[in-house]
C-alpha atoms as a PDB file:
ATOM      1  CA  MET A   1     -49.594  23.376  27.400  1.00  0.00           C
ATOM      2  CA  PRO A   2     -50.232  24.475  30.975  1.00  0.00           C
ATOM      3  CA  SER A   3     -49.047  22.117  33.682  1.00  0.00           C
ATOM      4  CA  ARG A   4     -51.424  20.238  35.947  1.00  0.00           C
ATOM      5  CA  GLU A   5     -50.546  22.580  38.814  1.00  0.00           C
ATOM      6  CA  GLN A   6     -51.238  25.652  36.703  1.00  0.00           C
ATOM      7  CA  THR A   7     -54.572  24.274  35.523  1.00  0.00           C
ATOM      8  CA  ARG A   8     -55.605  23.455  39.088  1.00  0.00           C
ATOM      9  CA  ALA A   9     -54.582  26.901  40.302  1.00  0.00           C
ATOM     10  CA  ASP A  10     -56.579  28.522  37.488  1.00  0.00           C
ATOM     11  CA  ARG A  11     -59.666  26.507  38.394  1.00  0.00           C
ATOM     12  CA  LEU A  12     -59.311  27.420  42.055  1.00  0.00           C
ATOM     13  CA  ARG A  13     -59.152  31.095  41.083  1.00  0.00           C
ATOM     14  CA  GLU A  14     -62.291  30.675  38.988  1.00  0.00           C
ATOM     15  CA  HIS A  15     -64.056  29.081  41.954  1.00  0.00           C
ATOM     16  CA  ALA A  16     -62.935  31.947  44.206  1.00  0.00           C
ATOM     17  CA  ALA A  17     -64.377  34.403  41.687  1.00  0.00           C
ATOM     18  CA  LEU A  18     -67.729  32.606  41.864  1.00  0.00           C
ATOM     19  CA  ILE A  19     -67.689  32.889  45.658  1.00  0.00           C
ATOM     20  CA  GLU A  20     -66.876  36.597  45.401  1.00  0.00           C
ATOM     21  CA  ARG A  21     -69.750  37.077  42.987  1.00  0.00           C
ATOM     22  CA  ALA A  22     -72.040  35.257  45.434  1.00  0.00           C
ATOM     23  CA  HIS A  23     -70.999  37.691  48.175  1.00  0.00           C
ATOM     24  CA  GLN A  24     -72.485  40.553  46.169  1.00  0.00           C
ATOM     25  CA  VAL A  25     -75.776  38.767  45.533  1.00  0.00           C
ATOM     26  CA  VAL A  26     -76.124  37.436  49.081  1.00  0.00           C
ATOM     27  CA  GLY A  27     -75.199  40.824  50.548  1.00  0.00           C
ATOM     28  CA  ALA A  28     -77.954  42.503  48.559  1.00  0.00           C
ATOM     29  CA  MET A  29     -80.456  39.859  49.642  1.00  0.00           C
ATOM     30  CA  GLY A  30     -79.376  40.519  53.224  1.00  0.00           C
ATOM     31  CA  LEU A  31     -80.766  44.040  52.877  1.00  0.00           C
ATOM     32  CA  LEU A  32     -84.067  42.471  51.869  1.00  0.00           C
ATOM     33  CA  VAL A  33     -84.127  40.083  54.824  1.00  0.00           C
ATOM     34  CA  ARG A  34     -83.291  42.768  57.383  1.00  0.00           C
ATOM     35  CA  GLY A  35     -85.814  45.099  55.831  1.00  0.00           C
ATOM     36  CA  ARG A  36     -88.502  42.451  56.233  1.00  0.00           C
ATOM     37  CA  GLU A  37     -87.454  41.755  59.824  1.00  0.00           C
ATOM     38  CA  ALA A  38     -87.927  45.455  60.631  1.00  0.00           C
ATOM     39  CA  ARG A  39     -91.608  45.335  59.642  1.00  0.00           C
ATOM     40  CA  ALA A  40     -94.727  43.947  61.270  1.00  0.00           C
ATOM     41  CA  ARG A  41     -95.325  40.214  61.017  1.00  0.00           C
ATOM     42  CA  THR A  42     -98.552  38.754  59.711  1.00  0.00           C
ATOM     43  CA  SER A  43     -98.043  35.341  61.303  1.00  0.00           C
ATOM     44  CA  ALA A  44     -96.789  33.873  64.559  1.00  0.00           C
ATOM     45  CA  THR A  45     -94.472  31.591  62.582  1.00  0.00           C
ATOM     46  CA  PRO A  46     -90.866  32.871  62.599  1.00  0.00           C
ATOM     47  CA  LEU A  47     -89.848  34.364  59.280  1.00  0.00           C
ATOM     48  CA  GLU A  48     -86.902  32.007  58.905  1.00  0.00           C
ATOM     49  CA  VAL A  49     -89.241  29.028  59.249  1.00  0.00           C
ATOM     50  CA  GLU A  50     -91.584  30.443  56.607  1.00  0.00           C
ATOM     51  CA  PHE A  51     -88.564  30.968  54.359  1.00  0.00           C
ATOM     52  CA  ALA A  52     -87.342  27.385  54.773  1.00  0.00           C
ATOM     53  CA  LYS A  53     -90.784  26.020  53.839  1.00  0.00           C
ATOM     54  CA  ILE A  54     -90.690  27.645  50.402  1.00  0.00           C
ATOM     55  CA  ASP A  55     -90.237  25.052  47.654  1.00  0.00           C
ATOM     56  CA  VAL A  56     -88.383  26.026  44.481  1.00  0.00           C
ATOM     57  CA  ASP A  57     -88.516  23.145  42.017  1.00  0.00           C
ATOM     58  CA  GLY A  58     -88.172  20.651  44.844  1.00  0.00           C
ATOM     59  CA  ARG A  59     -85.349  22.582  46.530  1.00  0.00           C
ATOM     60  CA  SER A  60     -85.159  24.827  49.567  1.00  0.00           C
ATOM     61  CA  LEU A  61     -82.362  26.585  51.426  1.00  0.00           C
ATOM     62  CA  PRO A  62     -82.396  26.093  55.221  1.00  0.00           C
ATOM     63  CA  ALA A  63     -83.609  28.577  57.813  1.00  0.00           C
ATOM     64  CA  GLY A  64     -79.988  29.170  58.837  1.00  0.00           C
ATOM     65  CA  VAL A  65     -79.429  31.184  55.669  1.00  0.00           C
ATOM     66  CA  TRP A  66     -82.164  33.636  56.685  1.00  0.00           C
ATOM     67  CA  VAL A  67     -80.815  33.810  60.245  1.00  0.00           C
ATOM     68  CA  ALA A  68     -77.294  34.570  58.998  1.00  0.00           C
ATOM     69  CA  LEU A  69     -78.593  37.337  56.731  1.00  0.00           C
ATOM     70  CA  ARG A  70     -80.686  38.756  59.573  1.00  0.00           C
ATOM     71  CA  ARG A  71     -77.426  39.068  61.522  1.00  0.00           C
ATOM     72  CA  ASP A  72     -75.667  40.628  58.509  1.00  0.00           C
ATOM     73  CA  ASP A  73     -73.260  37.674  58.345  1.00  0.00           C
ATOM     74  CA  VAL A  74     -72.802  37.093  54.622  1.00  0.00           C
ATOM     75  CA  ALA A  75     -69.954  34.614  55.116  1.00  0.00           C
ATOM     76  CA  ALA A  76     -72.101  32.392  57.369  1.00  0.00           C
ATOM     77  CA  ALA A  77     -74.963  32.564  54.890  1.00  0.00           C
ATOM     78  CA  ILE A  78     -72.687  31.471  52.058  1.00  0.00           C
ATOM     79  CA  ASP A  79     -71.297  28.635  54.186  1.00  0.00           C
ATOM     80  CA  ALA A  80     -74.838  27.383  54.826  1.00  0.00           C
ATOM     81  CA  MET A  81     -75.663  27.692  51.135  1.00  0.00           C
ATOM     82  CA  MET A  82     -72.583  25.701  50.144  1.00  0.00           C
ATOM     83  CA  ILE A  83     -73.498  22.909  52.540  1.00  0.00           C
ATOM     84  CA  ALA A  84     -76.943  22.707  50.931  1.00  0.00           C
ATOM     85  CA  SER A  85     -75.597  23.171  47.392  1.00  0.00           C
ATOM     86  CA  GLN A  86     -76.157  20.574  44.692  1.00  0.00           C
ATOM     87  CA  THR A  87     -73.924  22.400  42.213  1.00  0.00           C
ATOM     88  CA  ALA A  88     -70.334  21.191  42.027  1.00  0.00           C
ATOM     89  CA  PHE A  89     -67.435  23.056  40.428  1.00  0.00           C
ATOM     90  CA  LEU A  90     -64.830  20.778  38.831  1.00  0.00           C
ATOM     91  CA  ILE A  91     -61.319  21.550  40.030  1.00  0.00           C
ATOM     92  CA  GLU A  92     -59.449  18.587  38.603  1.00  0.00           C
ATOM     93  CA  GLU A  93     -60.082  15.226  36.993  1.00  0.00           C
ATOM     94  CA  ARG A  94     -57.406  12.597  37.456  1.00  0.00           C
ATOM     95  CA  ASP A  95     -56.846   8.875  37.042  1.00  0.00           C
ATOM     96  CA  VAL A  96     -56.165   6.668  40.064  1.00  0.00           C
ATOM     97  CA  MET A  97     -55.521   2.970  40.412  1.00  0.00           C
ATOM     98  CA  GLY A  98     -58.683   1.225  41.537  1.00  0.00           C
ATOM     99  CA  GLU A  99     -59.700  -2.338  42.290  1.00  0.00           C
ATOM    100  CA  GLY A 100     -58.240  -4.956  39.984  1.00  0.00           C
ATOM    101  CA  TYR A 101     -55.444  -2.543  39.072  1.00  0.00           C
ATOM    102  CA  ARG A 102     -57.764  -0.648  36.772  1.00  0.00           C
ATOM    103  CA  LEU A 103     -57.490   3.046  36.237  1.00  0.00           C
ATOM    104  CA  GLN A 104     -60.498   4.980  37.489  1.00  0.00           C
ATOM    105  CA  SER A 105     -61.350   8.607  36.822  1.00  0.00           C
ATOM    106  CA  VAL A 106     -61.767  10.691  39.982  1.00  0.00           C
ATOM    107  CA  GLU A 107     -63.130  14.239  40.053  1.00  0.00           C
ATOM    108  CA  ASP A 108     -62.055  16.803  42.629  1.00  0.00           C
ATOM    109  CA  THR A 109     -64.912  19.268  43.079  1.00  0.00           C
ATOM    110  CA  LEU A 110     -65.966  22.120  45.356  1.00  0.00           C
ATOM    111  CA  PRO A 111     -69.538  23.235  46.059  1.00  0.00           C
ATOM    112  CA  VAL A 112     -70.864  26.516  44.681  1.00  0.00           C
ATOM    113  CA  PRO A 113     -73.376  28.668  46.597  1.00  0.00           C
ATOM    114  CA  GLU A 114     -76.556  28.681  44.521  1.00  0.00           C
ATOM    115  CA  ASP A 115     -77.432  32.366  44.712  1.00  0.00           C
ATOM    116  CA  GLU A 116     -80.143  31.937  42.053  1.00  0.00           C
ATOM    117  CA  LEU A 117     -81.948  29.571  44.422  1.00  0.00           C
ATOM    118  CA  LEU A 118     -81.683  32.180  47.179  1.00  0.00           C
ATOM    119  CA  THR A 119     -83.252  34.934  45.072  1.00  0.00           C
ATOM    120  CA  ALA A 120     -85.985  32.600  43.822  1.00  0.00           C
ATOM    121  CA  GLN A 121     -86.840  31.473  47.352  1.00  0.00           C
ATOM    122  CA  LEU A 122     -86.915  35.038  48.668  1.00  0.00           C
ATOM    123  CA  SER A 123     -89.040  36.069  45.701  1.00  0.00           C
ATOM    124  CA  GLN A 124     -91.712  33.590  46.715  1.00  0.00           C
ATOM    125  CA  ALA A 125     -91.358  34.171  50.446  1.00  0.00           C
ATOM    126  CA  LEU A 126     -91.791  37.960  50.158  1.00  0.00           C
ATOM    127  CA  ASP A 127     -93.968  38.146  47.026  1.00  0.00           C
ATOM    128  CA  VAL A 128     -91.388  40.193  45.118  1.00  0.00           C
ATOM    129  CA  PRO A 129     -90.940  39.570  41.365  1.00  0.00           C
ATOM    130  CA  LEU A 130     -87.852  37.488  40.672  1.00  0.00           C
ATOM    131  CA  ASP A 131     -86.653  39.769  37.873  1.00  0.00           C
ATOM    132  CA  VAL A 132     -86.714  42.707  40.304  1.00  0.00           C
ATOM    133  CA  LEU A 133     -84.558  40.816  42.813  1.00  0.00           C
ATOM    134  CA  THR A 134     -82.197  39.867  40.000  1.00  0.00           C
ATOM    135  CA  VAL A 135     -81.673  43.550  39.209  1.00  0.00           C
ATOM    136  CA  ILE A 136     -81.134  44.401  42.893  1.00  0.00           C
ATOM    137  CA  ALA A 137     -78.615  41.554  43.153  1.00  0.00           C
ATOM    138  CA  GLU A 138     -76.718  43.028  40.210  1.00  0.00           C
ATOM    139  CA  TRP A 139     -76.561  46.393  41.974  1.00  0.00           C
ATOM    140  CA  GLY A 140     -75.124  44.823  45.113  1.00  0.00           C
ATOM    141  CA  PRO A 141     -75.532  45.859  48.765  1.00  0.00           C
ATOM    142  CA  ASP A 142     -73.424  49.030  48.520  1.00  0.00           C
ATOM    143  CA  ASP A 143     -75.457  50.626  45.728  1.00  0.00           C
ATOM    144  CA  PRO A 144     -77.893  53.226  47.201  1.00  0.00           C
ATOM    145  CA  ARG A 145     -80.482  52.143  44.644  1.00  0.00           C
ATOM    146  CA  ALA A 146     -80.674  48.697  46.256  1.00  0.00           C
ATOM    147  CA  ALA A 147     -81.683  49.943  49.710  1.00  0.00           C
ATOM    148  CA  SER A 148     -84.127  52.457  48.245  1.00  0.00           C
ATOM    149  CA  GLU A 149     -85.824  49.933  45.975  1.00  0.00           C
ATOM    150  CA  ILE A 150     -86.036  47.320  48.739  1.00  0.00           C
ATOM    151  CA  ASP A 151     -87.625  49.825  51.110  1.00  0.00           C
ATOM    152  CA  GLU A 152     -90.275  50.732  48.533  1.00  0.00           C
ATOM    153  CA  LEU A 153     -91.010  47.077  47.752  1.00  0.00           C
ATOM    154  CA  LEU A 154     -91.340  46.043  51.381  1.00  0.00           C
ATOM    155  CA  THR A 155     -93.283  49.127  52.449  1.00  0.00           C
ATOM    156  CA  ALA A 156     -95.844  48.469  49.710  1.00  0.00           C
ATOM    157  CA  ARG A 157     -96.325  44.904  50.971  1.00  0.00           C
ATOM    158  CA  PHE A 158     -95.764  45.026  54.736  1.00  0.00           C
ATOM    159  CA  GLY A 159     -95.934  48.690  55.704  1.00  0.00           C
ATOM    160  CA  PRO A 160     -93.122  50.988  56.872  1.00  0.00           C
ATOM    161  CA  ALA A 161     -90.257  49.765  58.996  1.00  0.00           C
ATOM    162  CA  GLU A 162     -91.053  49.802  62.697  1.00  0.00           C
ATOM    163  CA  ARG A 163     -87.842  48.646  64.301  1.00  0.00           C
ATOM    164  CA  VAL A 164     -84.095  49.121  64.229  1.00  0.00           C
ATOM    165  CA  ILE A 165     -82.401  45.802  63.405  1.00  0.00           C
ATOM    166  CA  ALA A 166     -78.827  45.731  64.685  1.00  0.00           C
ATOM    167  CA  PRO A 167     -76.437  42.779  64.356  1.00  0.00           C
ATOM    168  CA  ALA A 168     -74.953  41.129  67.417  1.00  0.00           C
ATOM    169  CA  VAL A 169     -72.161  43.090  69.073  1.00  0.00           C
ATOM    170  CA  PRO A 170     -69.037  40.981  69.803  1.00  0.00           C
ATOM    171  CA  SER A 171     -67.542  41.090  73.280  1.00  0.00           C
ATOM    172  CA  LEU A 172     -63.848  41.024  74.113  1.00  0.00           C
ATOM    173  CA  LEU A 173     -62.401  38.483  76.513  1.00  0.00           C
ATOM    174  CA  ASP A 174     -58.684  38.389  77.275  1.00  0.00           C
ATOM    175  CA  GLY A 175     -58.045  40.725  74.398  1.00  0.00           C
ATOM    176  CA  GLY A 176     -59.682  38.385  71.857  1.00  0.00           C
ATOM    177  CA  GLU A 177     -62.870  38.756  69.870  1.00  0.00           C
ATOM    178  CA  THR A 178     -65.618  36.232  70.560  1.00  0.00           C
ATOM    179  CA  GLU A 179     -68.596  35.185  68.514  1.00  0.00           C
ATOM    180  CA  SER A 180     -71.627  37.459  68.732  1.00  0.00           C
ATOM    181  CA  SER A 181     -74.296  36.431  71.219  1.00  0.00           C
ATOM    182  CA  GLY A 182     -77.488  37.880  69.759  1.00  0.00           C
ATOM    183  CA  GLN A 183     -79.153  40.756  68.031  1.00  0.00           C
ATOM    184  CA  LEU A 184     -80.819  43.893  69.301  1.00  0.00           C
ATOM    185  CA  THR A 185     -84.292  44.736  68.069  1.00  0.00           C
ATOM    186  CA  MET A 186     -86.198  47.738  69.364  1.00  0.00           C
ATOM    187  CA  THR A 187     -88.802  50.274  68.333  1.00  0.00           C
ATOM    188  CA  VAL A 188     -87.947  53.865  67.531  1.00  0.00           C
ATOM    189  CA  GLY A 189     -89.544  54.885  70.827  1.00  0.00           C
ATOM    190  CA  GLU A 190     -87.414  52.426  72.792  1.00  0.00           C
ATOM    191  CA  ALA A 191     -84.260  53.590  71.006  1.00  0.00           C
ATOM    192  CA  ALA A 192     -85.173  57.198  71.785  1.00  0.00           C
ATOM    193  CA  GLN A 193     -85.481  56.401  75.495  1.00  0.00           C
ATOM    194  CA  VAL A 194     -82.204  54.475  75.642  1.00  0.00           C
ATOM    195  CA  LEU A 195     -80.266  57.122  73.716  1.00  0.00           C
ATOM    196  CA  ARG A 196     -82.129  60.077  75.331  1.00  0.00           C
ATOM    197  CA  LEU A 197     -82.978  61.603  71.946  1.00  0.00           C
ATOM    198  CA  ASP A 198     -84.742  64.935  71.615  1.00  0.00           C
ATOM    199  CA  GLU A 199     -87.773  65.444  69.349  1.00  0.00           C
ATOM    200  CA  ASP A 200     -85.743  66.426  66.278  1.00  0.00           C
ATOM    201  CA  GLN A 201     -83.481  63.400  66.683  1.00  0.00           C
ATOM    202  CA  VAL A 202     -86.489  61.101  67.077  1.00  0.00           C
ATOM    203  CA  ARG A 203     -87.984  62.446  63.863  1.00  0.00           C
ATOM    204  CA  ALA A 204     -84.649  61.931  62.069  1.00  0.00           C
ATOM    205  CA  LEU A 205     -84.383  58.361  63.360  1.00  0.00           C
ATOM    206  CA  THR A 206     -87.969  57.638  62.298  1.00  0.00           C
ATOM    207  CA  ILE A 207     -87.186  58.804  58.771  1.00  0.00           C
ATOM    208  CA  LEU A 208     -84.051  56.620  58.660  1.00  0.00           C
ATOM    209  CA  VAL A 209     -85.916  53.531  59.844  1.00  0.00           C
ATOM    210  CA  ARG A 210     -88.769  54.153  57.429  1.00  0.00           C
ATOM    211  CA  ASN A 211     -86.470  54.514  54.433  1.00  0.00           C
ATOM    212  CA  ALA A 212     -83.629  52.086  55.117  1.00  0.00           C
ATOM    213  CA  SER A 213     -82.451  49.094  57.099  1.00  0.00           C
ATOM    214  CA  VAL A 214     -80.529  50.642  59.992  1.00  0.00           C
ATOM    215  CA  THR A 215     -77.503  48.770  61.316  1.00  0.00           C
ATOM    216  CA  LEU A 216     -75.518  49.835  64.399  1.00  0.00           C
ATOM    217  CA  THR A 217     -71.861  48.828  64.720  1.00  0.00           C
ATOM    218  CA  MET A 218     -69.052  49.400  67.187  1.00  0.00           C
ATOM    219  CA  GLN A 219     -67.005  51.469  64.698  1.00  0.00           C
END
């Protein structure tokens, strides 16, 4: 029989595997969020607020999840999802001495990010069939099919992408990396002026923006 320590370690590894699986799903949904942010808005209400108002069987993830995905910060999105999670993963059940010297059963649990709630909420927020998002989530963010399918879905609903959405660029102080301060959003025309692009480069950038979510990094 495995020892208590071995059983606990096995359960912790299983929980870590669930978190890793959530990274794939949440990363793919991040492509969807940034793709939507790059397109024209139909309302003055911020998209993250509209997202948070969506009710899925009496549940809703907070606006912070959308904001984290807009900034391409999957870890922050998962942290926000775990705080809001109502799904607990049992790590260990043990007996402790309670009041009146009676043994009481105590469960050690950790929250699990509910990625199914995320896809369901985004499905309603963006009018995309849930089964389609489920397939895209299975592909993951690094599969070229995911970006292509998302672009087609969003273009059909909201028109072609109009802006380049770039995550916040960290600054360095005293040799250390600080938290990012914001995000850069600009039109293709504005990017062309800043980067002094010629006509061929502008056309190439327009095609990229129209067919994918463009992210600029320091590397």
